[in-house]
Amino acid sequence: MHEVGIMEGALDMARRLMEKNGGTRLMRVHMTIGSLSGVVPEALQSAFLALKDAYAAQDAALDVTWVEALCRCDACSADFFPSRSTATSAPAAETPPWPSSGDGNWN
């Protein structure tokens, strides 16, 4: 369950920023997580609830934005959102898709 490690890192970063800016407690932790991250939403929430007291976040809320991956087909240059049915090929081609930021580079 890598969600605990992810949450420890996020809470530690948030606490350091809070302290740097003269704060004494965290009120909200916002994270953006991609659909290919393998993060399980329920496990992330559980990790937050288990760890928040140790990071000056006793009353904080967790706010997560989930972002869908965008893939681009090397054969036809079509952008598409992968699903289980298109996980290994673009809808209009039979080549593997690669996660892309729209510029052909890995995110």
PDB file of N, CA and C in Angstrom:
ATOM      1  N   MET A   1       0.854  -1.177   0.000  1.00  0.00           N
ATOM      2  CA  MET A   1       0.000   0.000   0.000  1.00  0.00           C
ATOM      3  C   MET A   1       0.899   1.240   0.000  1.00  0.00           C
ATOM      4  N   HIS A   2       1.204   1.772  -1.179  1.00  0.00           N
ATOM      5  CA  HIS A   2       2.092   2.925  -1.280  1.00  0.00           C
ATOM      6  C   HIS A   2       1.396   4.241  -0.943  1.00  0.00           C
ATOM      7  N   GLU A   3       0.098   4.207  -0.706  1.00  0.00           N
ATOM      8  CA  GLU A   3      -0.632   5.421  -0.353  1.00  0.00           C
ATOM      9  C   GLU A   3      -0.128   6.029   0.958  1.00  0.00           C
ATOM     10  N   VAL A   4       0.312   5.193   1.898  1.00  0.00           N
ATOM     11  CA  VAL A   4       0.839   5.707   3.172  1.00  0.00           C
ATOM     12  C   VAL A   4       2.096   6.533   2.915  1.00  0.00           C
ATOM     13  N   GLY A   5       2.999   6.022   2.109  1.00  0.00           N
ATOM     14  CA  GLY A   5       4.221   6.765   1.782  1.00  0.00           C
ATOM     15  C   GLY A   5       3.937   8.051   1.031  1.00  0.00           C
ATOM     16  N   ILE A   6       2.991   7.995   0.108  1.00  0.00           N
ATOM     17  CA  ILE A   6       2.600   9.196  -0.630  1.00  0.00           C
ATOM     18  C   ILE A   6       2.036  10.236   0.328  1.00  0.00           C
ATOM     19  N   MET A   7       1.172   9.796   1.228  1.00  0.00           N
ATOM     20  CA  MET A   7       0.549  10.726   2.177  1.00  0.00           C
ATOM     21  C   MET A   7       1.573  11.274   3.162  1.00  0.00           C
ATOM     22  N   GLU A   8       2.510  10.445   3.617  1.00  0.00           N
ATOM     23  CA  GLU A   8       3.565  10.953   4.515  1.00  0.00           C
ATOM     24  C   GLU A   8       4.350  12.063   3.830  1.00  0.00           C
ATOM     25  N   GLY A   9       4.704  11.844   2.581  1.00  0.00           N
ATOM     26  CA  GLY A   9       5.436  12.861   1.835  1.00  0.00           C
ATOM     27  C   GLY A   9       4.639  14.137   1.642  1.00  0.00           C
ATOM     28  N   ALA A  10       3.359  13.987   1.309  1.00  0.00           N
ATOM     29  CA  ALA A  10       2.506  15.159   1.095  1.00  0.00           C
ATOM     30  C   ALA A  10       2.308  15.943   2.391  1.00  0.00           C
ATOM     31  N   LEU A  11       2.033  15.246   3.479  1.00  0.00           N
ATOM     32  CA  LEU A  11       1.829  15.931   4.763  1.00  0.00           C
ATOM     33  C   LEU A  11       3.112  16.582   5.261  1.00  0.00           C
ATOM     34  N   ASP A  12       4.239  15.925   5.054  1.00  0.00           N
ATOM     35  CA  ASP A  12       5.516  16.518   5.455  1.00  0.00           C
ATOM     36  C   ASP A  12       5.794  17.791   4.658  1.00  0.00           C
ATOM     37  N   MET A  13       5.547  17.754   3.367  1.00  0.00           N
ATOM     38  CA  MET A  13       5.746  18.939   2.522  1.00  0.00           C
ATOM     39  C   MET A  13       4.806  20.068   2.952  1.00  0.00           C
ATOM     40  N   ALA A  14       3.551  19.725   3.190  1.00  0.00           N
ATOM     41  CA  ALA A  14       2.575  20.735   3.603  1.00  0.00           C
ATOM     42  C   ALA A  14       2.961  21.348   4.952  1.00  0.00           C
ATOM     43  N   ARG A  15       3.425  20.514   5.883  1.00  0.00           N
ATOM     44  CA  ARG A  15       3.818  21.030   7.193  1.00  0.00           C
ATOM     45  C   ARG A  15       5.030  21.955   7.077  1.00  0.00           C
ATOM     46  N   ARG A  16       6.003  21.577   6.262  1.00  0.00           N
ATOM     47  CA  ARG A  16       7.180  22.442   6.086  1.00  0.00           C
ATOM     48  C   ARG A  16       6.797  23.785   5.477  1.00  0.00           C
ATOM     49  N   LEU A  17       5.901  23.776   4.487  1.00  0.00           N
ATOM     50  CA  LEU A  17       5.438  25.037   3.891  1.00  0.00           C
ATOM     51  C   LEU A  17       4.663  25.870   4.904  1.00  0.00           C
ATOM     52  N   MET A  18       3.841  25.207   5.710  1.00  0.00           N
ATOM     53  CA  MET A  18       3.074  25.903   6.743  1.00  0.00           C
ATOM     54  C   MET A  18       4.020  26.596   7.725  1.00  0.00           C
ATOM     55  N   GLU A  19       5.021  25.860   8.212  1.00  0.00           N
ATOM     56  CA  GLU A  19       5.964  26.416   9.180  1.00  0.00           C
ATOM     57  C   GLU A  19       6.789  27.544   8.567  1.00  0.00           C
ATOM     58  N   LYS A  20       7.196  27.380   7.323  1.00  0.00           N
ATOM     59  CA  LYS A  20       7.969  28.414   6.626  1.00  0.00           C
ATOM     60  C   LYS A  20       7.191  29.718   6.534  1.00  0.00           C
ATOM     61  N   ASN A  21       5.858  29.602   6.421  1.00  0.00           N
ATOM     62  CA  ASN A  21       5.003  30.777   6.296  1.00  0.00           C
ATOM     63  C   ASN A  21       4.375  31.219   7.615  1.00  0.00           C
ATOM     64  N   GLY A  22       4.887  30.690   8.729  1.00  0.00           N
ATOM     65  CA  GLY A  22       4.438  31.130  10.041  1.00  0.00           C
ATOM     66  C   GLY A  22       3.128  30.526  10.521  1.00  0.00           C
ATOM     67  N   GLY A  23       2.651  29.481   9.870  1.00  0.00           N
ATOM     68  CA  GLY A  23       1.403  28.840  10.273  1.00  0.00           C
ATOM     69  C   GLY A  23       1.608  27.887  11.436  1.00  0.00           C
ATOM     70  N   THR A  24       0.505  27.516  12.064  1.00  0.00           N
ATOM     71  CA  THR A  24       0.586  26.585  13.193  1.00  0.00           C
ATOM     72  C   THR A  24      -0.257  25.332  12.986  1.00  0.00           C
ATOM     73  N   ARG A  25      -1.153  25.346  12.011  1.00  0.00           N
ATOM     74  CA  ARG A  25      -1.928  24.133  11.730  1.00  0.00           C
ATOM     75  C   ARG A  25      -2.389  24.138  10.281  1.00  0.00           C
ATOM     76  N   LEU A  26      -2.531  22.958   9.742  1.00  0.00           N
ATOM     77  CA  LEU A  26      -3.012  22.792   8.374  1.00  0.00           C
ATOM     78  C   LEU A  26      -4.530  22.697   8.387  1.00  0.00           C
ATOM     79  N   MET A  27      -5.162  23.357   7.440  1.00  0.00           N
ATOM     80  CA  MET A  27      -6.622  23.322   7.350  1.00  0.00           C
ATOM     81  C   MET A  27      -7.099  22.485   6.165  1.00  0.00           C
ATOM     82  N   ARG A  28      -6.291  22.425   5.117  1.00  0.00           N
ATOM     83  CA  ARG A  28      -6.678  21.666   3.923  1.00  0.00           C
ATOM     84  C   ARG A  28      -5.401  21.194   3.236  1.00  0.00           C
ATOM     85  N   VAL A  29      -5.440  19.965   2.775  1.00  0.00           N
ATOM     86  CA  VAL A  29      -4.345  19.407   1.990  1.00  0.00           C
ATOM     87  C   VAL A  29      -4.921  19.080   0.620  1.00  0.00           C
ATOM     88  N   HIS A  30      -4.388  19.734  -0.415  1.00  0.00           N
ATOM     89  CA  HIS A  30      -4.867  19.501  -1.780  1.00  0.00           C
ATOM     90  C   HIS A  30      -3.815  18.714  -2.543  1.00  0.00           C
ATOM     91  N   MET A  31      -4.258  17.666  -3.222  1.00  0.00           N
ATOM     92  CA  MET A  31      -3.370  16.843  -4.038  1.00  0.00           C
ATOM     93  C   MET A  31      -4.008  16.639  -5.406  1.00  0.00           C
ATOM     94  N   THR A  32      -3.172  16.543  -6.428  1.00  0.00           N
ATOM     95  CA  THR A  32      -3.618  16.178  -7.765  1.00  0.00           C
ATOM     96  C   THR A  32      -2.955  14.851  -8.105  1.00  0.00           C
ATOM     97  N   ILE A  33      -3.766  13.857  -8.455  1.00  0.00           N
ATOM     98  CA  ILE A  33      -3.254  12.510  -8.680  1.00  0.00           C
ATOM     99  C   ILE A  33      -3.747  12.004 -10.023  1.00  0.00           C
ATOM    100  N   GLY A  34      -2.830  11.419 -10.787  1.00  0.00           N
ATOM    101  CA  GLY A  34      -3.153  10.909 -12.110  1.00  0.00           C
ATOM    102  C   GLY A  34      -3.730   9.508 -12.081  1.00  0.00           C
ATOM    103  N   SER A  35      -4.526   9.211 -13.106  1.00  0.00           N
ATOM    104  CA  SER A  35      -5.225   7.933 -13.173  1.00  0.00           C
ATOM    105  C   SER A  35      -4.293   6.740 -13.348  1.00  0.00           C
ATOM    106  N   LEU A  36      -3.082   6.945 -13.798  1.00  0.00           N
ATOM    107  CA  LEU A  36      -2.128   5.851 -13.966  1.00  0.00           C
ATOM    108  C   LEU A  36      -1.207   5.687 -12.758  1.00  0.00           C
ATOM    109  N   SER A  37      -1.459   6.428 -11.693  1.00  0.00           N
ATOM    110  CA  SER A  37      -0.597   6.380 -10.511  1.00  0.00           C
ATOM    111  C   SER A  37      -0.740   5.097  -9.716  1.00  0.00           C
ATOM    112  N   GLY A  38      -1.851   4.420  -9.855  1.00  0.00           N
ATOM    113  CA  GLY A  38      -2.098   3.223  -9.070  1.00  0.00           C
ATOM    114  C   GLY A  38      -2.594   3.513  -7.667  1.00  0.00           C
ATOM    115  N   VAL A  39      -2.880   4.775  -7.375  1.00  0.00           N
ATOM    116  CA  VAL A  39      -3.370   5.158  -6.049  1.00  0.00           C
ATOM    117  C   VAL A  39      -4.835   4.751  -5.906  1.00  0.00           C
ATOM    118  N   VAL A  40      -5.141   4.117  -4.782  1.00  0.00           N
ATOM    119  CA  VAL A  40      -6.517   3.721  -4.466  1.00  0.00           C
ATOM    120  C   VAL A  40      -7.119   4.819  -3.594  1.00  0.00           C
ATOM    121  N   PRO A  41      -8.203   5.472  -4.055  1.00  0.00           N
ATOM    122  CA  PRO A  41      -8.762   6.607  -3.304  1.00  0.00           C
ATOM    123  C   PRO A  41      -9.064   6.301  -1.838  1.00  0.00           C
ATOM    124  N   GLU A  42      -9.668   5.157  -1.567  1.00  0.00           N
ATOM    125  CA  GLU A  42     -10.022   4.810  -0.186  1.00  0.00           C
ATOM    126  C   GLU A  42      -8.774   4.623   0.675  1.00  0.00           C
ATOM    127  N   ALA A  43      -7.737   4.036   0.109  1.00  0.00           N
ATOM    128  CA  ALA A  43      -6.491   3.833   0.849  1.00  0.00           C
ATOM    129  C   ALA A  43      -5.799   5.169   1.125  1.00  0.00           C
ATOM    130  N   LEU A  44      -5.876   6.096   0.173  1.00  0.00           N
ATOM    131  CA  LEU A  44      -5.293   7.418   0.379  1.00  0.00           C
ATOM    132  C   LEU A  44      -6.012   8.145   1.507  1.00  0.00           C
ATOM    133  N   GLN A  45      -7.339   8.087   1.508  1.00  0.00           N
ATOM    134  CA  GLN A  45      -8.130   8.720   2.571  1.00  0.00           C
ATOM    135  C   GLN A  45      -7.820   8.079   3.923  1.00  0.00           C
ATOM    136  N   SER A  46      -7.709   6.773   3.965  1.00  0.00           N
ATOM    137  CA  SER A  46      -7.377   6.080   5.220  1.00  0.00           C
ATOM    138  C   SER A  46      -6.002   6.490   5.724  1.00  0.00           C
ATOM    139  N   ALA A  47      -5.042   6.599   4.828  1.00  0.00           N
ATOM    140  CA  ALA A  47      -3.695   7.026   5.215  1.00  0.00           C
ATOM    141  C   ALA A  47      -3.731   8.446   5.775  1.00  0.00           C
ATOM    142  N   PHE A  48      -4.505   9.316   5.143  1.00  0.00           N
ATOM    143  CA  PHE A  48      -4.630  10.690   5.628  1.00  0.00           C
ATOM    144  C   PHE A  48      -5.203  10.715   7.041  1.00  0.00           C
ATOM    145  N   LEU A  49      -6.266   9.962   7.266  1.00  0.00           N
ATOM    146  CA  LEU A  49      -6.889   9.939   8.591  1.00  0.00           C
ATOM    147  C   LEU A  49      -5.946   9.375   9.648  1.00  0.00           C
ATOM    148  N   ALA A  50      -5.156   8.387   9.282  1.00  0.00           N
ATOM    149  CA  ALA A  50      -4.233   7.773  10.233  1.00  0.00           C
ATOM    150  C   ALA A  50      -3.039   8.662  10.560  1.00  0.00           C
ATOM    151  N   LEU A  51      -2.612   9.489   9.619  1.00  0.00           N
ATOM    152  CA  LEU A  51      -1.377  10.262   9.780  1.00  0.00           C
ATOM    153  C   LEU A  51      -1.572  11.731  10.149  1.00  0.00           C
ATOM    154  N   LYS A  52      -2.727  12.297   9.922  1.00  0.00           N
ATOM    155  CA  LYS A  52      -2.878  13.751  10.010  1.00  0.00           C
ATOM    156  C   LYS A  52      -2.576  14.327  11.385  1.00  0.00           C
ATOM    157  N   ASP A  53      -2.841  13.609  12.465  1.00  0.00           N
ATOM    158  CA  ASP A  53      -2.563  14.135  13.805  1.00  0.00           C
ATOM    159  C   ASP A  53      -1.077  14.388  14.032  1.00  0.00           C
ATOM    160  N   ALA A  54      -0.228  13.604  13.393  1.00  0.00           N
ATOM    161  CA  ALA A  54       1.219  13.746  13.562  1.00  0.00           C
ATOM    162  C   ALA A  54       1.798  14.900  12.745  1.00  0.00           C
ATOM    163  N   TYR A  55       0.982  15.541  11.926  1.00  0.00           N
ATOM    164  CA  TYR A  55       1.472  16.593  11.024  1.00  0.00           C
ATOM    165  C   TYR A  55       0.740  17.920  11.200  1.00  0.00           C
ATOM    166  N   ALA A  56       0.265  18.222  12.390  1.00  0.00           N
ATOM    167  CA  ALA A  56      -0.433  19.486  12.675  1.00  0.00           C
ATOM    168  C   ALA A  56      -1.631  19.674  11.751  1.00  0.00           C
ATOM    169  N   ALA A  57      -2.299  18.565  11.441  1.00  0.00           N
ATOM    170  CA  ALA A  57      -3.422  18.609  10.513  1.00  0.00           C
ATOM    171  C   ALA A  57      -4.667  17.951  11.115  1.00  0.00           C
ATOM    172  N   GLN A  58      -4.810  18.034  12.436  1.00  0.00           N
ATOM    173  CA  GLN A  58      -5.903  17.356  13.126  1.00  0.00           C
ATOM    174  C   GLN A  58      -7.271  17.699  12.554  1.00  0.00           C
ATOM    175  N   ASP A  59      -7.487  18.952  12.195  1.00  0.00           N
ATOM    176  CA  ASP A  59      -8.783  19.402  11.693  1.00  0.00           C
ATOM    177  C   ASP A  59      -8.792  19.611  10.179  1.00  0.00           C
ATOM    178  N   ALA A  60      -7.749  19.157   9.519  1.00  0.00           N
ATOM    179  CA  ALA A  60      -7.618  19.400   8.081  1.00  0.00           C
ATOM    180  C   ALA A  60      -8.514  18.482   7.261  1.00  0.00           C
ATOM    181  N   ALA A  61      -8.853  18.963   6.085  1.00  0.00           N
ATOM    182  CA  ALA A  61      -9.604  18.181   5.107  1.00  0.00           C
ATOM    183  C   ALA A  61      -8.665  17.794   3.971  1.00  0.00           C
ATOM    184  N   LEU A  62      -8.896  16.635   3.393  1.00  0.00           N
ATOM    185  CA  LEU A  62      -8.135  16.187   2.229  1.00  0.00           C
ATOM    186  C   LEU A  62      -8.959  16.473   0.987  1.00  0.00           C
ATOM    187  N   ASP A  63      -8.359  17.187   0.042  1.00  0.00           N
ATOM    188  CA  ASP A  63      -9.016  17.571  -1.207  1.00  0.00           C
ATOM    189  C   ASP A  63      -8.184  16.991  -2.349  1.00  0.00           C
ATOM    190  N   VAL A  64      -8.732  16.002  -3.053  1.00  0.00           N
ATOM    191  CA  VAL A  64      -7.989  15.339  -4.120  1.00  0.00           C
ATOM    192  C   VAL A  64      -8.656  15.605  -5.463  1.00  0.00           C
ATOM    193  N   THR A  65      -7.861  16.041  -6.432  1.00  0.00           N
ATOM    194  CA  THR A  65      -8.300  16.177  -7.815  1.00  0.00           C
ATOM    195  C   THR A  65      -7.717  15.011  -8.590  1.00  0.00           C
ATOM    196  N   TRP A  66      -8.590  14.242  -9.214  1.00  0.00           N
ATOM    197  CA  TRP A  66      -8.151  13.090 -10.006  1.00  0.00           C
ATOM    198  C   TRP A  66      -8.075  13.511 -11.466  1.00  0.00           C
ATOM    199  N   VAL A  67      -6.929  13.253 -12.104  1.00  0.00           N
ATOM    200  CA  VAL A  67      -6.694  13.662 -13.482  1.00  0.00           C
ATOM    201  C   VAL A  67      -6.560  12.419 -14.354  1.00  0.00           C
ATOM    202  N   GLU A  68      -7.324  12.390 -15.437  1.00  0.00           N
ATOM    203  CA  GLU A  68      -7.243  11.271 -16.370  1.00  0.00           C
ATOM    204  C   GLU A  68      -5.987  11.381 -17.232  1.00  0.00           C
ATOM    205  N   ALA A  69      -5.387  10.247 -17.517  1.00  0.00           N
ATOM    206  CA  ALA A  69      -4.215  10.209 -18.396  1.00  0.00           C
ATOM    207  C   ALA A  69      -4.658  10.479 -19.832  1.00  0.00           C
ATOM    208  N   LEU A  70      -3.814  11.153 -20.562  1.00  0.00           N
ATOM    209  CA  LEU A  70      -4.047  11.384 -21.978  1.00  0.00           C
ATOM    210  C   LEU A  70      -2.940  10.673 -22.738  1.00  0.00           C
ATOM    211  N   CYS A  71      -3.323   9.835 -23.679  1.00  0.00           N
ATOM    212  CA  CYS A  71      -2.335   9.099 -24.474  1.00  0.00           C
ATOM    213  C   CYS A  71      -2.350   9.610 -25.910  1.00  0.00           C
ATOM    214  N   ARG A  72      -1.218   9.394 -26.585  1.00  0.00           N
ATOM    215  CA  ARG A  72      -1.121   9.743 -28.003  1.00  0.00           C
ATOM    216  C   ARG A  72      -0.606   8.526 -28.751  1.00  0.00           C
ATOM    217  N   CYS A  73      -1.246   8.212 -29.827  1.00  0.00           N
ATOM    218  CA  CYS A  73      -0.861   7.080 -30.657  1.00  0.00           C
ATOM    219  C   CYS A  73       0.291   7.490 -31.572  1.00  0.00           C
ATOM    220  N   ASP A  74       1.379   6.726 -31.542  1.00  0.00           N
ATOM    221  CA  ASP A  74       2.515   7.013 -32.414  1.00  0.00           C
ATOM    222  C   ASP A  74       2.160   6.809 -33.886  1.00  0.00           C
ATOM    223  N   ALA A  75       1.257   5.885 -34.176  1.00  0.00           N
ATOM    224  CA  ALA A  75       0.925   5.576 -35.571  1.00  0.00           C
ATOM    225  C   ALA A  75       0.033   6.626 -36.210  1.00  0.00           C
ATOM    226  N   CYS A  76      -0.994   7.086 -35.470  1.00  0.00           N
ATOM    227  CA  CYS A  76      -1.962   8.001 -36.091  1.00  0.00           C
ATOM    228  C   CYS A  76      -2.006   9.378 -35.433  1.00  0.00           C
ATOM    229  N   SER A  77      -1.212   9.594 -34.381  1.00  0.00           N
ATOM    230  CA  SER A  77      -1.138  10.862 -33.639  1.00  0.00           C
ATOM    231  C   SER A  77      -2.452  11.253 -32.981  1.00  0.00           C
ATOM    232  N   ALA A  78      -3.369  10.320 -32.833  1.00  0.00           N
ATOM    233  CA  ALA A  78      -4.637  10.617 -32.168  1.00  0.00           C
ATOM    234  C   ALA A  78      -4.435  10.633 -30.657  1.00  0.00           C
ATOM    235  N   ASP A  79      -4.996  11.631 -29.997  1.00  0.00           N
ATOM    236  CA  ASP A  79      -5.012  11.672 -28.544  1.00  0.00           C
ATOM    237  C   ASP A  79      -6.263  10.951 -28.058  1.00  0.00           C
ATOM    238  N   PHE A  80      -6.120  10.192 -26.972  1.00  0.00           N
ATOM    239  CA  PHE A  80      -7.274   9.491 -26.415  1.00  0.00           C
ATOM    240  C   PHE A  80      -7.038   9.202 -24.944  1.00  0.00           C
ATOM    241  N   PHE A  81      -8.135   8.971 -24.242  1.00  0.00           N
ATOM    242  CA  PHE A  81      -8.075   8.596 -22.838  1.00  0.00           C
ATOM    243  C   PHE A  81      -8.073   7.075 -22.775  1.00  0.00           C
ATOM    244  N   PRO A  82      -7.067   6.470 -22.148  1.00  0.00           N
ATOM    245  CA  PRO A  82      -6.994   5.011 -22.116  1.00  0.00           C
ATOM    246  C   PRO A  82      -8.079   4.420 -21.224  1.00  0.00           C
ATOM    247  N   SER A  83      -8.501   3.233 -21.588  1.00  0.00           N
ATOM    248  CA  SER A  83      -9.419   2.453 -20.762  1.00  0.00           C
ATOM    249  C   SER A  83      -8.915   1.021 -20.809  1.00  0.00           C
ATOM    250  N   ARG A  84      -9.582   0.139 -20.123  1.00  0.00           N
ATOM    251  CA  ARG A  84      -9.152  -1.263 -20.174  1.00  0.00           C
ATOM    252  C   ARG A  84      -9.190  -1.805 -21.605  1.00  0.00           C
ATOM    253  N   SER A  85     -10.131  -1.351 -22.403  1.00  0.00           N
ATOM    254  CA  SER A  85     -10.243  -1.859 -23.772  1.00  0.00           C
ATOM    255  C   SER A  85      -9.209  -1.231 -24.705  1.00  0.00           C
ATOM    256  N   THR A  86      -8.668  -0.072 -24.373  1.00  0.00           N
ATOM    257  CA  THR A  86      -7.672   0.581 -25.237  1.00  0.00           C
ATOM    258  C   THR A  86      -6.333   0.716 -24.533  1.00  0.00           C
ATOM    259  N   ALA A  87      -6.079  -0.110 -23.544  1.00  0.00           N
ATOM    260  CA  ALA A  87      -4.855   0.038 -22.751  1.00  0.00           C
ATOM    261  C   ALA A  87      -3.599  -0.275 -23.544  1.00  0.00           C
ATOM    262  N   THR A  88      -3.702  -1.080 -24.611  1.00  0.00           N
ATOM    263  CA  THR A  88      -2.503  -1.428 -25.356  1.00  0.00           C
ATOM    264  C   THR A  88      -2.502  -0.919 -26.789  1.00  0.00           C
ATOM    265  N   SER A  89      -3.584  -0.281 -27.237  1.00  0.00           N
ATOM    266  CA  SER A  89      -3.593   0.276 -28.587  1.00  0.00           C
ATOM    267  C   SER A  89      -4.555   1.445 -28.668  1.00  0.00           C
ATOM    268  N   ALA A  90      -4.250   2.343 -29.574  1.00  0.00           N
ATOM    269  CA  ALA A  90      -5.125   3.485 -29.805  1.00  0.00           C
ATOM    270  C   ALA A  90      -6.401   2.990 -30.473  1.00  0.00           C
ATOM    271  N   PRO A  91      -7.507   3.716 -30.317  1.00  0.00           N
ATOM    272  CA  PRO A  91      -8.773   3.272 -30.922  1.00  0.00           C
ATOM    273  C   PRO A  91      -8.685   3.073 -32.433  1.00  0.00           C
ATOM    274  N   ALA A  92      -7.892   3.901 -33.143  1.00  0.00           N
ATOM    275  CA  ALA A  92      -7.853   3.813 -34.605  1.00  0.00           C
ATOM    276  C   ALA A  92      -6.599   3.125 -35.132  1.00  0.00           C
ATOM    277  N   ALA A  93      -5.732   2.621 -34.250  1.00  0.00           N
ATOM    278  CA  ALA A  93      -4.482   2.006 -34.701  1.00  0.00           C
ATOM    279  C   ALA A  93      -4.169   0.807 -33.817  1.00  0.00           C
ATOM    280  N   GLU A  94      -3.200   0.033 -34.225  1.00  0.00           N
ATOM    281  CA  GLU A  94      -2.841  -1.156 -33.463  1.00  0.00           C
ATOM    282  C   GLU A  94      -1.443  -1.023 -32.869  1.00  0.00           C
ATOM    283  N   THR A  95      -1.079   0.165 -32.438  1.00  0.00           N
ATOM    284  CA  THR A  95       0.231   0.375 -31.823  1.00  0.00           C
ATOM    285  C   THR A  95       0.038   0.772 -30.375  1.00  0.00           C
ATOM    286  N   PRO A  96       1.047   0.545 -29.527  1.00  0.00           N
ATOM    287  CA  PRO A  96       0.911   0.911 -28.113  1.00  0.00           C
ATOM    288  C   PRO A  96       0.818   2.419 -27.921  1.00  0.00           C
ATOM    289  N   PRO A  97      -0.043   2.861 -27.016  1.00  0.00           N
ATOM    290  CA  PRO A  97      -0.108   4.289 -26.693  1.00  0.00           C
ATOM    291  C   PRO A  97       0.963   4.646 -25.677  1.00  0.00           C
ATOM    292  N   TRP A  98       1.354   5.872 -25.638  1.00  0.00           N
ATOM    293  CA  TRP A  98       2.320   6.347 -24.651  1.00  0.00           C
ATOM    294  C   TRP A  98       1.725   7.540 -23.936  1.00  0.00           C
ATOM    295  N   PRO A  99       1.747   7.555 -22.595  1.00  0.00           N
ATOM    296  CA  PRO A  99       1.226   8.725 -21.873  1.00  0.00           C
ATOM    297  C   PRO A  99       1.934   9.980 -22.360  1.00  0.00           C
ATOM    298  N   SER A 100       1.171  11.007 -22.608  1.00  0.00           N
ATOM    299  CA  SER A 100       1.717  12.220 -23.201  1.00  0.00           C
ATOM    300  C   SER A 100       1.097  13.448 -22.607  1.00  0.00           C
ATOM    301  N   SER A 101       1.867  14.513 -22.555  1.00  0.00           N
ATOM    302  CA  SER A 101       1.343  15.795 -22.114  1.00  0.00           C
ATOM    303  C   SER A 101       0.795  16.575 -23.305  1.00  0.00           C
ATOM    304  N   GLY A 102       0.729  15.931 -24.442  1.00  0.00           N
ATOM    305  CA  GLY A 102       0.259  16.589 -25.644  1.00  0.00           C
ATOM    306  C   GLY A 102       1.390  17.049 -26.524  1.00  0.00           C
ATOM    307  N   ASP A 103       2.627  16.994 -26.013  1.00  0.00           N
ATOM    308  CA  ASP A 103       3.777  17.432 -26.797  1.00  0.00           C
ATOM    309  C   ASP A 103       4.672  16.263 -27.181  1.00  0.00           C
ATOM    310  N   GLY A 104       4.197  15.031 -26.922  1.00  0.00           N
ATOM    311  CA  GLY A 104       4.977  13.854 -27.279  1.00  0.00           C
ATOM    312  C   GLY A 104       5.938  13.405 -26.199  1.00  0.00           C
ATOM    313  N   ASN A 105       6.010  14.109 -25.096  1.00  0.00           N
ATOM    314  CA  ASN A 105       6.920  13.749 -24.014  1.00  0.00           C
ATOM    315  C   ASN A 105       6.182  13.031 -22.901  1.00  0.00           C
ATOM    316  N   TRP A 106       6.892  12.195 -22.191  1.00  0.00           N
ATOM    317  CA  TRP A 106       6.324  11.535 -21.022  1.00  0.00           C
ATOM    318  C   TRP A 106       6.028  12.564 -19.968  1.00  0.00           C
ATOM    319  N   ASN A 107       4.913  12.392 -19.257  1.00  0.00           N
ATOM    320  CA  ASN A 107       4.578  13.283 -18.142  1.00  0.00           C
ATOM    321  C   ASN A 107       5.362  12.881 -16.933  1.00  0.00           C
TER     322      ASN A 107
END
